[in-house]
Amino acid sequence: MIVDPSHATGLAAYVAPMARAACAAGADGLMIEVHCRPTEARCDAAQALTPEAFAAVVADVRRIHAALRAPEKA
């Protein structure tokens, strides 16, 4: 399952929480709008993340993925 938190929410402020929730729900991938200068993007400017914000989302999602897929300890 691939989730597009950028288009699903329409606002950059909600992309990270939606991406984290999608990962926790088992998403296999994410589609996220990224732009070096979101305010200058020709389309979807309101939902685009900066590269720095995108890197933070990726780090969060990787931690969630690792925690949920960690082998159980007996």
Protein backbone atom coordinates (compact mmCIF):
# COMPACT_ATOMS: atom_id res chain seq x y z
CA MET A 1 0.00 0.00 0.00
CA ILE A 2 1.34 3.41 -0.98
CA VAL A 3 0.08 6.51 0.84
CA ASP A 4 0.25 10.10 -0.41
CA PRO A 5 0.10 12.26 2.72
CA SER A 6 0.79 15.40 0.69
CA HIS A 7 -2.38 15.18 -1.41
CA ALA A 8 -4.43 13.50 1.32
CA THR A 9 -3.99 16.46 3.67
CA GLY A 10 -3.22 19.31 1.28
CA LEU A 11 -1.16 21.19 3.88
CA ALA A 12 2.53 20.77 4.69
CA ALA A 13 1.84 20.97 8.43
CA TYR A 14 -0.12 17.71 8.28
CA VAL A 15 2.17 15.72 5.98
CA ALA A 16 4.55 14.46 8.69
CA PRO A 17 1.85 13.26 11.11
CA MET A 18 -0.01 11.55 8.26
CA ALA A 19 3.20 9.92 7.03
CA ARG A 20 3.95 8.60 10.53
CA ALA A 21 0.39 7.29 10.88
CA ALA A 22 0.55 5.63 7.47
CA CYS A 23 3.79 3.89 8.41
CA ALA A 24 2.32 2.73 11.71
CA ALA A 25 -0.70 1.38 9.82
CA GLY A 26 1.56 -0.70 7.58
CA ALA A 27 2.12 1.41 4.48
CA ASP A 28 4.80 0.05 2.15
CA GLY A 29 5.67 3.45 0.73
CA LEU A 30 4.94 7.17 0.79
CA MET A 31 4.62 9.83 -1.91
CA ILE A 32 5.58 13.23 -0.55
CA GLU A 33 5.83 16.56 -2.37
CA VAL A 34 9.25 18.21 -1.84
CA HIS A 35 10.47 21.56 -3.12
CA CYS A 36 13.52 23.66 -2.26
CA ARG A 37 11.30 26.74 -2.07
CA PRO A 38 7.72 25.53 -1.53
CA THR A 39 6.24 29.03 -1.76
CA GLU A 40 7.60 29.25 -5.31
CA ALA A 41 6.32 25.83 -6.45
CA ARG A 42 4.17 26.06 -9.58
CA CYS A 43 1.70 23.56 -8.16
CA ASP A 44 0.91 22.03 -4.79
CA ALA A 45 2.90 24.70 -2.94
CA ALA A 46 0.75 24.46 0.19
CA GLN A 47 1.56 20.79 0.69
CA ALA A 48 5.22 20.71 -0.35
CA LEU A 49 7.90 20.08 2.26
CA THR A 50 11.37 21.56 2.23
CA PRO A 51 14.20 19.05 1.79
CA GLU A 52 15.06 19.51 5.47
CA ALA A 53 11.49 18.79 6.60
CA PHE A 54 11.41 15.78 4.28
CA ALA A 55 14.62 14.44 5.83
CA ALA A 56 13.02 14.72 9.27
CA VAL A 57 9.95 12.79 8.07
CA VAL A 58 12.15 10.08 6.60
CA ALA A 59 14.04 9.75 9.88
CA ASP A 60 10.77 9.49 11.85
CA VAL A 61 9.30 6.91 9.48
CA ARG A 62 12.46 4.81 9.58
CA ARG A 63 12.34 4.74 13.39
CA ILE A 64 8.67 3.75 13.37
CA HIS A 65 9.26 1.08 10.76
CA ALA A 66 12.19 -0.36 12.73
CA ALA A 67 10.21 -0.40 15.98
CA LEU A 68 7.20 -2.11 14.45
CA ARG A 69 9.20 -4.69 12.53
CA ALA A 70 11.69 -5.47 15.33
CA PRO A 71 11.88 -9.16 16.21
CA GLU A 72 10.05 -10.07 19.37
CA LYS A 73 12.17 -11.02 22.35
CA ALA A 74 11.20 -14.21 24.14
